[in-house]
C-alpha atoms as a PDB file:
ATOM      1  CA  MET A   1      13.164  -7.106 -78.578  1.00  0.00           C
ATOM      2  CA  ALA A   2      16.765  -7.649 -77.689  1.00  0.00           C
ATOM      3  CA  GLU A   3      17.773  -7.846 -74.012  1.00  0.00           C
ATOM      4  CA  PHE A   4      20.972  -6.371 -72.737  1.00  0.00           C
ATOM      5  CA  LEU A   5      22.945  -8.406 -70.202  1.00  0.00           C
ATOM      6  CA  TYR A   6      25.077  -6.454 -67.814  1.00  0.00           C
ATOM      7  CA  PRO A   7      27.986  -8.027 -65.965  1.00  0.00           C
ATOM      8  CA  THR A   8      27.529  -7.755 -62.219  1.00  0.00           C
ATOM      9  CA  SER A   9      29.997  -7.555 -59.381  1.00  0.00           C
ATOM     10  CA  ALA A  10      29.706  -9.917 -56.461  1.00  0.00           C
ATOM     11  CA  GLU A  11      31.527 -10.710 -53.261  1.00  0.00           C
ATOM     12  CA  LEU A  12      31.636 -14.197 -51.807  1.00  0.00           C
ATOM     13  CA  THR A  13      32.788 -14.707 -48.236  1.00  0.00           C
ATOM     14  CA  GLU A  14      32.733 -17.555 -45.757  1.00  0.00           C
ATOM     15  CA  ILE A  15      30.856 -16.971 -42.491  1.00  0.00           C
ATOM     16  CA  ALA A  16      30.690 -19.050 -39.339  1.00  0.00           C
ATOM     17  CA  GLN A  17      28.414 -22.080 -39.163  1.00  0.00           C
ATOM     18  CA  ASP A  18      24.900 -21.577 -37.842  1.00  0.00           C
ATOM     19  CA  LEU A  19      25.634 -23.999 -34.973  1.00  0.00           C
ATOM     20  CA  LEU A  20      29.225 -23.407 -33.969  1.00  0.00           C
ATOM     21  CA  PRO A  21      31.358 -26.434 -33.051  1.00  0.00           C
ATOM     22  CA  ARG A  22      32.126 -26.763 -29.345  1.00  0.00           C
ATOM     23  CA  LEU A  23      35.266 -28.262 -27.885  1.00  0.00           C
ATOM     24  CA  GLU A  24      35.789 -30.081 -24.605  1.00  0.00           C
ATOM     25  CA  GLN A  25      36.244 -27.052 -22.345  1.00  0.00           C
ATOM     26  CA  ASP A  26      32.838 -25.653 -23.352  1.00  0.00           C
ATOM     27  CA  ARG A  27      30.864 -28.720 -22.228  1.00  0.00           C
ATOM     28  CA  ALA A  28      29.551 -28.953 -18.666  1.00  0.00           C
ATOM     29  CA  ILE A  29      29.523 -32.767 -18.742  1.00  0.00           C
ATOM     30  CA  PHE A  30      33.324 -32.805 -18.602  1.00  0.00           C
ATOM     31  CA  GLN A  31      33.231 -30.916 -15.314  1.00  0.00           C
ATOM     32  CA  ILE A  32      31.041 -33.706 -13.909  1.00  0.00           C
ATOM     33  CA  LEU A  33      32.607 -36.678 -15.726  1.00  0.00           C
ATOM     34  CA  PRO A  34      36.068 -35.546 -16.873  1.00  0.00           C
ATOM     35  CA  ILE A  35      37.801 -37.512 -19.621  1.00  0.00           C
ATOM     36  CA  GLN A  36      40.460 -39.828 -18.227  1.00  0.00           C
ATOM     37  CA  ASN A  37      42.904 -42.036 -20.156  1.00  0.00           C
ATOM     38  CA  VAL A  38      43.557 -45.446 -18.577  1.00  0.00           C
ATOM     39  CA  GLU A  39      46.188 -47.987 -19.566  1.00  0.00           C
ATOM     40  CA  ASN A  40      43.960 -51.093 -19.515  1.00  0.00           C
ATOM     41  CA  TYR A  41      41.041 -52.181 -21.702  1.00  0.00           C
ATOM     42  CA  LEU A  42      38.642 -53.351 -18.973  1.00  0.00           C
ATOM     43  CA  VAL A  43      38.054 -50.917 -16.117  1.00  0.00           C
ATOM     44  CA  MET A  44      37.208 -52.492 -12.742  1.00  0.00           C
ATOM     45  CA  TRP A  45      36.946 -51.140  -9.220  1.00  0.00           C
ATOM     46  CA  GLU A  46      36.011 -52.496  -5.810  1.00  0.00           C
ATOM     47  CA  GLN A  47      34.082 -50.793  -3.034  1.00  0.00           C
ATOM     48  CA  GLU A  48      33.813 -51.882   0.572  1.00  0.00           C
ATOM     49  CA  ASP A  49      30.253 -51.950   1.915  1.00  0.00           C
ATOM     50  CA  SER A  50      29.228 -49.195   4.315  1.00  0.00           C
ATOM     51  CA  TYR A  51      29.419 -49.897   8.043  1.00  0.00           C
ATOM     52  CA  VAL A  52      25.992 -50.444   9.584  1.00  0.00           C
ATOM     53  CA  GLY A  53      24.540 -50.879  13.068  1.00  0.00           C
ATOM     54  CA  LEU A  54      25.445 -49.690  16.559  1.00  0.00           C
ATOM     55  CA  GLN A  55      27.722 -51.167  19.170  1.00  0.00           C
ATOM     56  CA  GLN A  56      25.872 -53.688  21.375  1.00  0.00           C
ATOM     57  CA  VAL A  57      25.726 -53.713  25.116  1.00  0.00           C
ATOM     58  CA  ARG A  58      27.317 -56.722  26.866  1.00  0.00           C
ATOM     59  CA  GLY A  59      27.058 -55.897  30.608  1.00  0.00           C
ATOM     60  CA  LEU A  60      29.602 -56.804  33.277  1.00  0.00           C
ATOM     61  CA  ASN A  61      31.134 -60.236  32.740  1.00  0.00           C
ATOM     62  CA  GLY A  62      29.158 -60.500  29.492  1.00  0.00           C
ATOM     63  CA  MET A  63      30.667 -61.993  26.355  1.00  0.00           C
ATOM     64  CA  PRO A  64      31.098 -59.354  23.612  1.00  0.00           C
ATOM     65  CA  PRO A  65      28.711 -60.194  20.749  1.00  0.00           C
ATOM     66  CA  ARG A  66      30.197 -61.016  17.387  1.00  0.00           C
ATOM     67  CA  VAL A  67      29.978 -58.502  14.549  1.00  0.00           C
ATOM     68  CA  SER A  68      30.023 -59.691  10.933  1.00  0.00           C
ATOM     69  CA  ARG A  69      32.657 -58.172   8.661  1.00  0.00           C
ATOM     70  CA  VAL A  70      31.506 -55.978   5.794  1.00  0.00           C
ATOM     71  CA  GLY A  71      31.702 -57.264   2.246  1.00  0.00           C
ATOM     72  CA  VAL A  72      33.195 -55.861  -0.930  1.00  0.00           C
ATOM     73  CA  LYS A  73      31.433 -55.196  -4.241  1.00  0.00           C
ATOM     74  CA  ARG A  74      33.224 -55.330  -7.573  1.00  0.00           C
ATOM     75  CA  PHE A  75      32.171 -53.264 -10.569  1.00  0.00           C
ATOM     76  CA  GLN A  76      33.283 -53.349 -14.189  1.00  0.00           C
ATOM     77  CA  MET A  77      32.946 -50.956 -17.113  1.00  0.00           C
ATOM     78  CA  GLU A  78      32.866 -52.612 -20.533  1.00  0.00           C
ATOM     79  CA  PRO A  79      34.123 -49.995 -22.998  1.00  0.00           C
ATOM     80  CA  GLY A  80      32.409 -49.228 -26.269  1.00  0.00           C
ATOM     81  CA  VAL A  81      34.488 -49.190 -29.449  1.00  0.00           C
ATOM     82  CA  TYR A  82      33.752 -46.119 -31.541  1.00  0.00           C
ATOM     83  CA  GLY A  83      35.217 -44.892 -34.809  1.00  0.00           C
ATOM     84  CA  GLU A  84      34.370 -43.448 -38.215  1.00  0.00           C
ATOM     85  CA  HIS A  85      36.079 -41.880 -41.195  1.00  0.00           C
ATOM     86  CA  ILE A  86      35.561 -39.337 -43.956  1.00  0.00           C
ATOM     87  CA  PRO A  87      36.833 -40.224 -47.452  1.00  0.00           C
ATOM     88  CA  ILE A  88      38.255 -37.586 -49.787  1.00  0.00           C
ATOM     89  CA  ASP A  89      38.319 -38.860 -53.375  1.00  0.00           C
ATOM     90  CA  GLU A  90      40.119 -37.757 -56.552  1.00  0.00           C
ATOM     91  CA  VAL A  91      37.194 -35.660 -57.777  1.00  0.00           C
ATOM     92  CA  GLU A  92      37.089 -33.559 -54.601  1.00  0.00           C
ATOM     93  CA  LEU A  93      40.869 -33.277 -54.456  1.00  0.00           C
ATOM     94  CA  THR A  94      40.918 -32.046 -58.071  1.00  0.00           C
ATOM     95  CA  ILE A  95      38.001 -29.667 -58.471  1.00  0.00           C
ATOM     96  CA  ARG A  96      36.877 -28.501 -55.034  1.00  0.00           C
ATOM     97  CA  ARG A  97      37.395 -24.797 -54.476  1.00  0.00           C
ATOM     98  CA  GLN A  98      38.168 -22.934 -51.274  1.00  0.00           C
ATOM     99  CA  ILE A  99      34.947 -21.995 -49.436  1.00  0.00           C
ATOM    100  CA  GLY A 100      34.329 -18.256 -49.681  1.00  0.00           C
ATOM    101  CA  THR A 101      36.014 -17.903 -53.079  1.00  0.00           C
ATOM    102  CA  PHE A 102      34.893 -18.316 -56.680  1.00  0.00           C
ATOM    103  CA  GLY A 103      37.775 -20.314 -58.046  1.00  0.00           C
ATOM    104  CA  VAL A 104      40.691 -20.725 -55.630  1.00  0.00           C
ATOM    105  CA  PRO A 105      41.610 -24.429 -55.361  1.00  0.00           C
ATOM    106  CA  ILE A 106      41.342 -25.744 -51.839  1.00  0.00           C
ATOM    107  CA  ASP A 107      44.533 -26.663 -50.032  1.00  0.00           C
ATOM    108  CA  ILE A 108      44.650 -30.375 -49.196  1.00  0.00           C
ATOM    109  CA  SER A 109      45.730 -29.691 -45.615  1.00  0.00           C
ATOM    110  CA  ASP A 110      42.715 -27.416 -45.155  1.00  0.00           C
ATOM    111  CA  LEU A 111      40.463 -30.122 -46.592  1.00  0.00           C
ATOM    112  CA  VAL A 112      41.868 -32.666 -44.130  1.00  0.00           C
ATOM    113  CA  LEU A 113      41.590 -30.220 -41.224  1.00  0.00           C
ATOM    114  CA  ARG A 114      37.890 -29.614 -41.911  1.00  0.00           C
ATOM    115  CA  ALA A 115      37.273 -33.371 -41.900  1.00  0.00           C
ATOM    116  CA  GLN A 116      39.214 -33.760 -38.640  1.00  0.00           C
ATOM    117  CA  ASN A 117      37.217 -30.990 -36.990  1.00  0.00           C
ATOM    118  CA  GLN A 118      33.937 -32.569 -38.091  1.00  0.00           C
ATOM    119  CA  LEU A 119      34.915 -35.972 -36.701  1.00  0.00           C
ATOM    120  CA  LEU A 120      36.239 -34.446 -33.469  1.00  0.00           C
ATOM    121  CA  VAL A 121      32.957 -32.626 -32.797  1.00  0.00           C
ATOM    122  CA  ARG A 122      31.000 -35.808 -33.527  1.00  0.00           C
ATOM    123  CA  ARG A 123      33.154 -37.691 -31.002  1.00  0.00           C
ATOM    124  CA  LEU A 124      32.657 -35.056 -28.289  1.00  0.00           C
ATOM    125  CA  ASP A 125      28.919 -34.900 -29.039  1.00  0.00           C
ATOM    126  CA  ARG A 126      28.682 -38.676 -28.630  1.00  0.00           C
ATOM    127  CA  ILE A 127      30.557 -38.676 -25.318  1.00  0.00           C
ATOM    128  CA  GLU A 128      28.477 -35.784 -23.997  1.00  0.00           C
ATOM    129  CA  SER A 129      25.229 -37.415 -25.120  1.00  0.00           C
ATOM    130  CA  ILE A 130      26.150 -40.638 -23.308  1.00  0.00           C
ATOM    131  CA  GLY A 131      27.000 -38.709 -20.146  1.00  0.00           C
ATOM    132  CA  TRP A 132      23.790 -36.673 -19.942  1.00  0.00           C
ATOM    133  CA  THR A 133      21.618 -39.653 -20.906  1.00  0.00           C
ATOM    134  CA  LEU A 134      23.197 -41.689 -18.122  1.00  0.00           C
ATOM    135  CA  LEU A 135      22.770 -38.936 -15.528  1.00  0.00           C
ATOM    136  CA  THR A 136      19.164 -38.329 -16.585  1.00  0.00           C
ATOM    137  CA  THR A 137      17.922 -41.922 -16.849  1.00  0.00           C
ATOM    138  CA  GLY A 138      20.553 -44.076 -15.125  1.00  0.00           C
ATOM    139  CA  THR A 139      21.205 -46.015 -18.328  1.00  0.00           C
ATOM    140  CA  PHE A 140      22.203 -45.670 -21.973  1.00  0.00           C
ATOM    141  CA  SER A 141      22.212 -47.915 -25.052  1.00  0.00           C
ATOM    142  CA  ILE A 142      24.039 -47.268 -28.316  1.00  0.00           C
ATOM    143  CA  ALA A 143      23.001 -49.225 -31.406  1.00  0.00           C
ATOM    144  CA  GLY A 144      25.394 -50.068 -34.246  1.00  0.00           C
ATOM    145  CA  PRO A 145      24.758 -49.574 -37.979  1.00  0.00           C
ATOM    146  CA  ALA A 146      22.761 -52.839 -38.154  1.00  0.00           C
ATOM    147  CA  GLY A 147      20.522 -51.849 -35.224  1.00  0.00           C
ATOM    148  CA  ALA A 148      22.014 -54.161 -32.592  1.00  0.00           C
ATOM    149  CA  VAL A 149      22.971 -52.609 -29.238  1.00  0.00           C
ATOM    150  CA  LEU A 150      26.772 -52.574 -29.098  1.00  0.00           C
ATOM    151  CA  HIS A 151      27.371 -50.454 -26.003  1.00  0.00           C
ATOM    152  CA  THR A 152      25.198 -50.146 -22.919  1.00  0.00           C
ATOM    153  CA  ASP A 153      25.544 -49.664 -19.177  1.00  0.00           C
ATOM    154  CA  GLN A 154      23.520 -48.540 -16.177  1.00  0.00           C
ATOM    155  CA  TYR A 155      24.048 -47.050 -12.724  1.00  0.00           C
ATOM    156  CA  SER A 156      21.658 -46.613  -9.809  1.00  0.00           C
ATOM    157  CA  VAL A 157      21.413 -42.825  -9.624  1.00  0.00           C
ATOM    158  CA  GLN A 158      18.886 -41.389  -7.180  1.00  0.00           C
ATOM    159  CA  THR A 159      15.569 -40.032  -8.461  1.00  0.00           C
ATOM    160  CA  PHE A 160      12.938 -37.561  -7.315  1.00  0.00           C
ATOM    161  CA  THR A 161       9.556 -36.666  -8.830  1.00  0.00           C
ATOM    162  CA  ALA A 162       7.820 -33.391  -8.034  1.00  0.00           C
ATOM    163  CA  THR A 163       4.248 -33.741  -6.818  1.00  0.00           C
ATOM    164  CA  VAL A 164       3.212 -30.743  -8.921  1.00  0.00           C
ATOM    165  CA  PRO A 165       4.994 -30.096 -12.262  1.00  0.00           C
ATOM    166  CA  TRP A 166       6.948 -26.833 -12.307  1.00  0.00           C
ATOM    167  CA  GLY A 167       4.931 -25.743 -15.340  1.00  0.00           C
ATOM    168  CA  THR A 168       1.886 -25.393 -13.056  1.00  0.00           C
ATOM    169  CA  SER A 169       3.082 -22.012 -11.805  1.00  0.00           C
ATOM    170  CA  ALA A 170       0.345 -21.319  -9.242  1.00  0.00           C
ATOM    171  CA  THR A 171       0.851 -24.489  -7.182  1.00  0.00           C
ATOM    172  CA  ALA A 172       4.314 -25.813  -8.098  1.00  0.00           C
ATOM    173  CA  THR A 173       6.842 -26.019  -5.266  1.00  0.00           C
ATOM    174  CA  PRO A 174      10.390 -25.863  -6.700  1.00  0.00           C
ATOM    175  CA  LEU A 175      11.808 -24.629  -3.395  1.00  0.00           C
ATOM    176  CA  ALA A 176      10.222 -27.470  -1.423  1.00  0.00           C
ATOM    177  CA  ASP A 177      11.287 -29.955  -4.111  1.00  0.00           C
ATOM    178  CA  LEU A 178      14.948 -28.970  -3.816  1.00  0.00           C
ATOM    179  CA  ARG A 179      14.682 -29.158  -0.026  1.00  0.00           C
ATOM    180  CA  ALA A 180      13.316 -32.697  -0.345  1.00  0.00           C
ATOM    181  CA  THR A 181      16.112 -33.566  -2.766  1.00  0.00           C
ATOM    182  CA  GLN A 182      18.642 -32.312  -0.237  1.00  0.00           C
ATOM    183  CA  LEU A 183      17.486 -35.011   2.209  1.00  0.00           C
ATOM    184  CA  LEU A 184      18.530 -37.733  -0.257  1.00  0.00           C
ATOM    185  CA  ALA A 185      22.094 -37.178   0.968  1.00  0.00           C
ATOM    186  CA  ARG A 186      21.207 -39.103   4.127  1.00  0.00           C
ATOM    187  CA  GLY A 187      23.138 -42.353   4.399  1.00  0.00           C
ATOM    188  CA  HIS A 188      25.690 -41.241   1.792  1.00  0.00           C
ATOM    189  CA  SER A 189      28.839 -39.165   2.169  1.00  0.00           C
ATOM    190  CA  VAL A 190      27.540 -36.531  -0.211  1.00  0.00           C
ATOM    191  CA  ARG A 191      26.206 -33.000   0.119  1.00  0.00           C
ATOM    192  CA  PHE A 192      23.403 -31.482  -1.939  1.00  0.00           C
ATOM    193  CA  ASP A 193      24.096 -27.971  -0.707  1.00  0.00           C
ATOM    194  CA  GLN A 194      24.996 -24.561  -2.122  1.00  0.00           C
ATOM    195  CA  SER A 195      28.285 -25.958  -3.442  1.00  0.00           C
ATOM    196  CA  SER A 196      26.316 -28.336  -5.698  1.00  0.00           C
ATOM    197  CA  LYS A 197      24.727 -27.585  -9.056  1.00  0.00           C
ATOM    198  CA  ALA A 198      21.302 -28.398 -10.452  1.00  0.00           C
ATOM    199  CA  TYR A 199      21.494 -28.518 -14.256  1.00  0.00           C
ATOM    200  CA  ALA A 200      18.380 -27.825 -16.355  1.00  0.00           C
ATOM    201  CA  ASN A 201      17.636 -26.563 -19.848  1.00  0.00           C
ATOM    202  CA  GLN A 202      16.213 -23.105 -20.422  1.00  0.00           C
ATOM    203  CA  VAL A 203      12.620 -24.332 -20.815  1.00  0.00           C
ATOM    204  CA  THR A 204      12.698 -25.844 -17.328  1.00  0.00           C
ATOM    205  CA  VAL A 205      14.466 -22.820 -15.850  1.00  0.00           C
ATOM    206  CA  ASN A 206      11.828 -20.517 -17.344  1.00  0.00           C
ATOM    207  CA  LYS A 207       9.065 -22.590 -15.737  1.00  0.00           C
ATOM    208  CA  MET A 208      10.745 -22.269 -12.353  1.00  0.00           C
ATOM    209  CA  LEU A 209      11.160 -18.496 -12.760  1.00  0.00           C
ATOM    210  CA  SER A 210       7.448 -18.199 -13.636  1.00  0.00           C
ATOM    211  CA  ASN A 211       6.409 -19.571 -10.242  1.00  0.00           C
ATOM    212  CA  THR A 212       3.519 -17.659  -8.621  1.00  0.00           C
ATOM    213  CA  ASN A 213       2.996 -19.852  -5.563  1.00  0.00           C
ATOM    214  CA  ASN A 214       3.064 -17.570  -2.483  1.00  0.00           C
ATOM    215  CA  ALA A 215       3.550 -20.624  -0.295  1.00  0.00           C
ATOM    216  CA  ASP A 216       6.798 -21.485  -2.060  1.00  0.00           C
ATOM    217  CA  LEU A 217       9.334 -19.673  -4.242  1.00  0.00           C
ATOM    218  CA  TYR A 218       7.128 -16.684  -5.111  1.00  0.00           C
ATOM    219  CA  GLY A 219       6.572 -16.018  -1.433  1.00  0.00           C
ATOM    220  CA  ARG A 220      10.273 -15.510  -0.695  1.00  0.00           C
ATOM    221  CA  ARG A 221      11.618 -11.959  -0.759  1.00  0.00           C
ATOM    222  CA  VAL A 222      14.963 -10.421  -1.609  1.00  0.00           C
ATOM    223  CA  THR A 223      16.350  -6.952  -0.773  1.00  0.00           C
ATOM    224  CA  GLY A 224      13.588  -4.362  -0.562  1.00  0.00           C
ATOM    225  CA  LEU A 225      10.936  -7.064  -0.056  1.00  0.00           C
ATOM    226  CA  ALA A 226      10.787  -7.644  -3.827  1.00  0.00           C
ATOM    227  CA  THR A 227      10.067 -11.032  -5.354  1.00  0.00           C
ATOM    228  CA  ALA A 228      12.943 -12.999  -6.861  1.00  0.00           C
ATOM    229  CA  ASN A 229      12.588 -12.105 -10.537  1.00  0.00           C
ATOM    230  CA  SER A 230      15.895 -13.322 -11.936  1.00  0.00           C
ATOM    231  CA  LEU A 231      17.909 -16.503 -11.816  1.00  0.00           C
ATOM    232  CA  GLU A 232      20.681 -14.676  -9.961  1.00  0.00           C
ATOM    233  CA  GLN A 233      18.244 -13.658  -7.229  1.00  0.00           C
ATOM    234  CA  VAL A 234      16.747 -17.146  -7.047  1.00  0.00           C
ATOM    235  CA  ASN A 235      20.212 -18.651  -6.652  1.00  0.00           C
ATOM    236  CA  GLN A 236      20.937 -16.149  -3.889  1.00  0.00           C
ATOM    237  CA  LEU A 237      17.882 -17.491  -2.048  1.00  0.00           C
ATOM    238  CA  PHE A 238      18.975 -21.076  -2.666  1.00  0.00           C
ATOM    239  CA  THR A 239      22.469 -20.264  -1.380  1.00  0.00           C
ATOM    240  CA  MET A 240      21.059 -18.765   1.818  1.00  0.00           C
ATOM    241  CA  ASP A 241      18.995 -21.955   2.273  1.00  0.00           C
ATOM    242  CA  GLY A 242      22.004 -24.178   1.603  1.00  0.00           C
ATOM    243  CA  LEU A 243      20.444 -25.586  -1.584  1.00  0.00           C
ATOM    244  CA  PRO A 244      22.021 -26.447  -4.957  1.00  0.00           C
ATOM    245  CA  ASN A 245      22.220 -23.523  -7.361  1.00  0.00           C
ATOM    246  CA  ILE A 246      20.428 -23.769 -10.711  1.00  0.00           C
ATOM    247  CA  ALA A 247      22.846 -23.977 -13.650  1.00  0.00           C
ATOM    248  CA  PRO A 248      21.113 -23.434 -17.018  1.00  0.00           C
ATOM    249  CA  TYR A 249      22.515 -25.737 -19.703  1.00  0.00           C
ATOM    250  CA  ASP A 250      20.712 -25.464 -23.025  1.00  0.00           C
ATOM    251  CA  GLU A 251      23.270 -27.135 -25.287  1.00  0.00           C
ATOM    252  CA  GLY A 252      22.626 -30.102 -27.557  1.00  0.00           C
ATOM    253  CA  PHE A 253      23.367 -31.430 -31.027  1.00  0.00           C
ATOM    254  CA  LEU A 254      21.776 -31.647 -34.467  1.00  0.00           C
ATOM    255  CA  ASN A 255      20.636 -35.160 -35.359  1.00  0.00           C
ATOM    256  CA  SER A 256      20.891 -36.602 -38.871  1.00  0.00           C
ATOM    257  CA  ALA A 257      17.571 -34.958 -39.778  1.00  0.00           C
ATOM    258  CA  GLY A 258      18.887 -31.539 -38.742  1.00  0.00           C
ATOM    259  CA  THR A 259      16.671 -31.370 -35.643  1.00  0.00           C
ATOM    260  CA  PHE A 260      18.145 -29.875 -32.494  1.00  0.00           C
ATOM    261  CA  VAL A 261      18.218 -32.368 -29.601  1.00  0.00           C
ATOM    262  CA  PRO A 262      18.959 -30.845 -26.163  1.00  0.00           C
ATOM    263  CA  HIS A 263      21.232 -32.903 -23.940  1.00  0.00           C
ATOM    264  CA  ILE A 264      18.929 -32.284 -20.970  1.00  0.00           C
ATOM    265  CA  ALA A 265      15.258 -32.832 -21.798  1.00  0.00           C
ATOM    266  CA  ASP A 266      12.466 -30.496 -20.741  1.00  0.00           C
ATOM    267  CA  ASN A 267      11.193 -30.947 -17.171  1.00  0.00           C
ATOM    268  CA  LYS A 268      14.404 -32.619 -16.029  1.00  0.00           C
ATOM    269  CA  VAL A 269      16.831 -31.322 -13.404  1.00  0.00           C
ATOM    270  CA  ILE A 270      20.117 -33.104 -12.770  1.00  0.00           C
ATOM    271  CA  VAL A 271      21.469 -32.375  -9.294  1.00  0.00           C
ATOM    272  CA  VAL A 272      25.154 -33.229  -8.940  1.00  0.00           C
ATOM    273  CA  GLY A 273      26.284 -33.319  -5.334  1.00  0.00           C
ATOM    274  CA  ARG A 274      29.676 -33.009  -3.684  1.00  0.00           C
ATOM    275  CA  ARG A 275      31.465 -35.865  -1.951  1.00  0.00           C
ATOM    276  CA  THR A 276      32.454 -34.940   1.609  1.00  0.00           C
ATOM    277  CA  ASP A 277      36.043 -36.038   0.936  1.00  0.00           C
ATOM    278  CA  GLY A 278      36.199 -34.067  -2.330  1.00  0.00           C
ATOM    279  CA  ALA A 279      36.521 -37.192  -4.481  1.00  0.00           C
ATOM    280  CA  PRO A 280      35.202 -36.932  -8.066  1.00  0.00           C
ATOM    281  CA  ILE A 281      31.996 -38.851  -8.642  1.00  0.00           C
ATOM    282  CA  GLY A 282      33.317 -40.459 -11.828  1.00  0.00           C
ATOM    283  CA  GLY A 283      34.640 -39.818 -15.296  1.00  0.00           C
ATOM    284  CA  TYR A 284      34.568 -40.879 -18.928  1.00  0.00           C
ATOM    285  CA  GLN A 285      37.438 -43.300 -19.237  1.00  0.00           C
ATOM    286  CA  ILE A 286      39.150 -43.874 -22.579  1.00  0.00           C
ATOM    287  CA  VAL A 287      41.100 -47.129 -22.624  1.00  0.00           C
ATOM    288  CA  ARG A 288      44.106 -48.280 -24.600  1.00  0.00           C
ATOM    289  CA  ASN A 289      43.683 -48.587 -28.331  1.00  0.00           C
ATOM    290  CA  VAL A 290      45.687 -50.640 -30.816  1.00  0.00           C
ATOM    291  CA  ASN A 291      45.283 -47.856 -33.386  1.00  0.00           C
ATOM    292  CA  ASN A 292      47.473 -45.541 -31.271  1.00  0.00           C
ATOM    293  CA  PRO A 293      51.283 -45.738 -31.296  1.00  0.00           C
ATOM    294  CA  GLY A 294      52.347 -48.260 -28.684  1.00  0.00           C
ATOM    295  CA  MET A 295      48.666 -49.138 -28.081  1.00  0.00           C
ATOM    296  CA  ALA A 296      48.465 -46.074 -25.842  1.00  0.00           C
ATOM    297  CA  PRO A 297      45.172 -45.049 -24.244  1.00  0.00           C
ATOM    298  CA  GLY A 298      43.187 -42.156 -25.651  1.00  0.00           C
ATOM    299  CA  PRO A 299      41.344 -41.318 -28.864  1.00  0.00           C
ATOM    300  CA  TYR A 300      43.060 -41.853 -32.193  1.00  0.00           C
ATOM    301  CA  MET A 301      43.167 -39.614 -35.264  1.00  0.00           C
ATOM    302  CA  ARG A 302      44.684 -40.911 -38.494  1.00  0.00           C
ATOM    303  CA  VAL A 303      45.109 -39.471 -41.988  1.00  0.00           C
ATOM    304  CA  ILE A 304      45.768 -42.168 -44.605  1.00  0.00           C
ATOM    305  CA  ASP A 305      46.924 -40.899 -48.018  1.00  0.00           C
ATOM    306  CA  ARG A 306      46.685 -43.715 -50.545  1.00  0.00           C
ATOM    307  CA  GLY A 307      48.272 -41.679 -53.339  1.00  0.00           C
ATOM    308  CA  GLU A 308      51.621 -43.418 -52.874  1.00  0.00           C
ATOM    309  CA  VAL A 309      50.227 -46.912 -53.384  1.00  0.00           C
ATOM    310  CA  GLU A 310      47.196 -46.613 -55.646  1.00  0.00           C
ATOM    311  CA  ILE A 311      45.561 -44.581 -58.387  1.00  0.00           C
ATOM    312  CA  PRO A 312      43.188 -42.768 -58.316  1.00  0.00           C
ATOM    313  CA  ARG A 313      44.465 -40.944 -55.262  1.00  0.00           C
ATOM    314  CA  SER A 314      42.254 -40.870 -52.175  1.00  0.00           C
ATOM    315  CA  ILE A 315      42.614 -39.765 -48.563  1.00  0.00           C
ATOM    316  CA  GLU A 316      40.865 -41.163 -45.521  1.00  0.00           C
ATOM    317  CA  VAL A 317      40.514 -39.165 -42.302  1.00  0.00           C
ATOM    318  CA  HIS A 318      39.812 -41.364 -39.251  1.00  0.00           C
ATOM    319  CA  ASP A 319      38.772 -40.613 -35.683  1.00  0.00           C
ATOM    320  CA  GLY A 320      37.752 -42.997 -32.924  1.00  0.00           C
ATOM    321  CA  HIS A 321      38.075 -44.069 -29.316  1.00  0.00           C
ATOM    322  CA  SER A 322      37.301 -46.956 -26.990  1.00  0.00           C
ATOM    323  CA  GLY A 323      35.806 -46.112 -23.624  1.00  0.00           C
ATOM    324  CA  GLY A 324      32.765 -45.443 -21.517  1.00  0.00           C
ATOM    325  CA  PRO A 325      31.413 -43.621 -18.467  1.00  0.00           C
ATOM    326  CA  VAL A 326      32.255 -44.603 -14.917  1.00  0.00           C
ATOM    327  CA  ILE A 327      30.120 -43.292 -12.033  1.00  0.00           C
ATOM    328  CA  ARG A 328      31.819 -44.456  -8.868  1.00  0.00           C
ATOM    329  CA  PHE A 329      29.311 -42.731  -6.581  1.00  0.00           C
ATOM    330  CA  PRO A 330      25.869 -42.781  -8.237  1.00  0.00           C
ATOM    331  CA  SER A 331      24.324 -41.662  -4.929  1.00  0.00           C
ATOM    332  CA  ALA A 332      25.845 -38.232  -5.635  1.00  0.00           C
ATOM    333  CA  VAL A 333      23.417 -37.701  -8.553  1.00  0.00           C
ATOM    334  CA  VAL A 334      19.695 -37.006  -8.311  1.00  0.00           C
ATOM    335  CA  ALA A 335      17.615 -37.069 -11.507  1.00  0.00           C
ATOM    336  CA  MET A 336      14.599 -34.867 -10.803  1.00  0.00           C
ATOM    337  CA  ASN A 337      11.365 -35.112 -12.811  1.00  0.00           C
ATOM    338  CA  VAL A 338       9.698 -31.734 -12.548  1.00  0.00           C
END
């Protein structure tokens, strides 16, 4: 029996990616460690030791005792050299169509722009991953294509471990834990108060909000003697107690296997304090790069069209930077294990 084939109508459109790209202003890490361009390759800084001790008594006619001068520590950040490229060959330039259409040839500038956007997001993801890893663990290590570690550094951030995990709702003490964390400001010119932020992913925030310990967070009351049932109400309590406010941050990236990796792991809280003189605690410093005009500092982006010098035609889109994180005041960070 013969079959009749009917032509069908169809519409093809392009929709947004499942995981939308994020630029610099959407990433909390750049509020903590802002990107800074510096003219040199090696970044060094010196810090005078803190003054210690109390003035000694000498008595009448007594010789004033001698006081030793304080020393100076020198620190150095060795930048990592990052860079990658996306090739666009003759086949893609010739036959690739515009996404969302059935047969419209893609514009070369649009093809290059998509490659630039992909490389830009990968660069920002890398910088953000380094920053959160450093704040969470005090160290980071980046391996090259052959497996050898090519960029690593560490800083002595403060740590705190809750006696009872926040997931144990009936006996956990998130309020007492933050009060204990606040005391870690002693001996440092830093404040862990209501002007500070405590960053955690949504899993950890949900555990805190599920607290049922009457001797701790669940026992506190808001207007009308109701329990604090929302993050806004909890932060109001923390503000009244002069404690850091909880800032949910559930962002991350997709690894090469397509698995979502949160920048802040479960059961981690990163408390970022405030220096009493208002100084920033650090930054991600991008040093000078020979691939920029005049060897200027900052990331580089290059589009190399080889069509003028070789056949078949090909285009390479490059993106890279040289730099690394600098935490000048690691005492202003507390990595909490909860």
